[in-house]
Structures are given as C-alpha cells and as structure tokens.
Amino acid sequence: MFLSLKACNKLGFIDVSIFVPHKDDPLFSLWNKCDTIVLSWLLNSLSSKIAQSVIYVDSSRAMWLELKERFSQGNET
C-alpha cells in the first residue's frame, strides 16, 4: 500500500507531509475529499474483519497509525 500511495502522490496524507488545513480554510474541503479517497483505498486493502475494527477513525493518517501499532513487528525503541 505504501508504494501505491507514493505512486499516486498521496503518501503525504499518511506521513503528514501534506498539512491538514484548518476547517475554516477553503482548502479543507479539497483536503478532506482526497483524504477520504485514501481512507477508502486503505479500507479496501484490508480484510473485512480488520476493516470493521478501524472504520471508526477520522483520517487516513489515524488509520495508518492504528494499523502500524497493531501490526508492526519492528523493534522500535
């Protein structure tokens, strides 16, 4: 999924290199639309059981972090 997001120039939605505009900012609507697309891509890449457990998140970044926390096997310190 990481490579797909990078290829579609959407990686910034999960690594926060694309800033989240304030809700009053005219760009927020556009950002929200793109973020919803990324959320749907993430959800569609998951099994239905896992998708049901993370569908409550409010952004693609939040979903990415939730999945990373659950499934990361790294030895991060």
Protein backbone atom coordinates (compact mmCIF):
# COMPACT_ATOMS: atom_id res chain seq x y z
CA MET A 1 0.00 0.00 0.00
CA PHE A 2 2.89 2.34 0.78
CA LEU A 3 4.14 2.11 -2.80
CA SER A 4 0.65 2.63 -4.22
CA LEU A 5 0.17 5.77 -2.15
CA LYS A 6 3.58 7.04 -3.20
CA ALA A 7 2.85 6.33 -6.87
CA CYS A 8 -0.44 8.24 -6.67
CA ASN A 9 1.20 11.17 -4.89
CA LYS A 10 -0.93 10.54 -1.79
CA LEU A 11 1.75 9.42 0.65
CA GLY A 12 1.64 12.84 2.29
CA PHE A 13 -1.76 12.04 3.76
CA ILE A 14 -0.30 9.33 5.97
CA ASP A 15 3.17 10.73 6.66
CA VAL A 16 1.81 14.26 7.32
CA SER A 17 3.97 15.92 4.67
CA ILE A 18 0.66 17.29 3.38
CA PHE A 19 -0.61 19.56 6.12
CA VAL A 20 -4.21 19.41 7.32
CA PRO A 21 -5.84 22.78 6.68
CA HIS A 22 -7.98 24.34 9.38
CA LYS A 23 -11.68 23.55 8.94
CA ASP A 24 -12.35 27.20 8.07
CA ASP A 25 -9.73 27.15 5.31
CA PRO A 26 -11.21 26.92 1.79
CA LEU A 27 -8.69 24.13 1.06
CA PHE A 28 -10.10 21.92 3.82
CA SER A 29 -12.90 20.61 1.62
CA LEU A 30 -10.43 19.54 -1.07
CA TRP A 31 -8.06 18.02 1.51
CA ASN A 32 -10.98 16.13 3.10
CA LYS A 33 -12.08 14.74 -0.26
CA CYS A 34 -8.58 13.45 -1.04
CA ASP A 35 -8.15 12.05 2.46
CA THR A 36 -11.45 10.18 2.12
CA ILE A 37 -10.17 8.64 -1.11
CA VAL A 38 -7.01 7.48 0.67
CA LEU A 39 -9.15 6.11 3.53
CA SER A 40 -11.21 4.11 1.06
CA TRP A 41 -8.07 2.72 -0.59
CA LEU A 42 -6.76 1.64 2.80
CA LEU A 43 -10.07 0.07 3.80
CA ASN A 44 -10.35 -1.81 0.51
CA SER A 45 -6.89 -3.29 1.01
CA LEU A 46 -7.87 -4.85 4.36
CA SER A 47 -9.80 -7.97 5.21
CA SER A 48 -13.39 -7.23 6.21
CA LYS A 49 -12.69 -8.20 9.82
CA ILE A 50 -9.77 -5.79 10.15
CA ALA A 51 -11.58 -3.06 8.18
CA GLN A 52 -14.53 -3.23 10.59
CA SER A 53 -12.19 -2.67 13.51
CA VAL A 54 -10.63 0.52 12.10
CA ILE A 55 -13.54 2.07 10.23
CA TYR A 56 -14.20 4.48 13.12
CA VAL A 57 -11.04 6.55 12.53
CA ASP A 58 -11.44 10.06 11.17
CA SER A 59 -8.47 10.32 8.82
CA SER A 60 -6.18 8.21 6.70
CA ARG A 61 -3.27 9.19 8.98
CA ALA A 62 -5.16 7.93 12.04
CA MET A 63 -5.96 4.65 10.28
CA TRP A 64 -2.36 4.21 9.16
CA LEU A 65 -1.07 4.75 12.70
CA GLU A 66 -3.68 2.38 14.15
CA LEU A 67 -2.68 -0.35 11.69
CA LYS A 68 1.01 0.31 12.25
CA GLU A 69 0.57 -0.02 16.01
CA ARG A 70 -1.34 -3.29 15.66
CA PHE A 71 0.81 -4.99 13.07
CA SER A 72 4.28 -3.51 13.32
CA GLN A 73 6.85 -6.17 14.06
CA GLY A 74 9.76 -3.80 14.31
CA ASN A 75 11.94 -3.40 17.34
CA GLU A 76 11.47 0.34 17.68
CA THR A 77 12.88 1.93 20.81
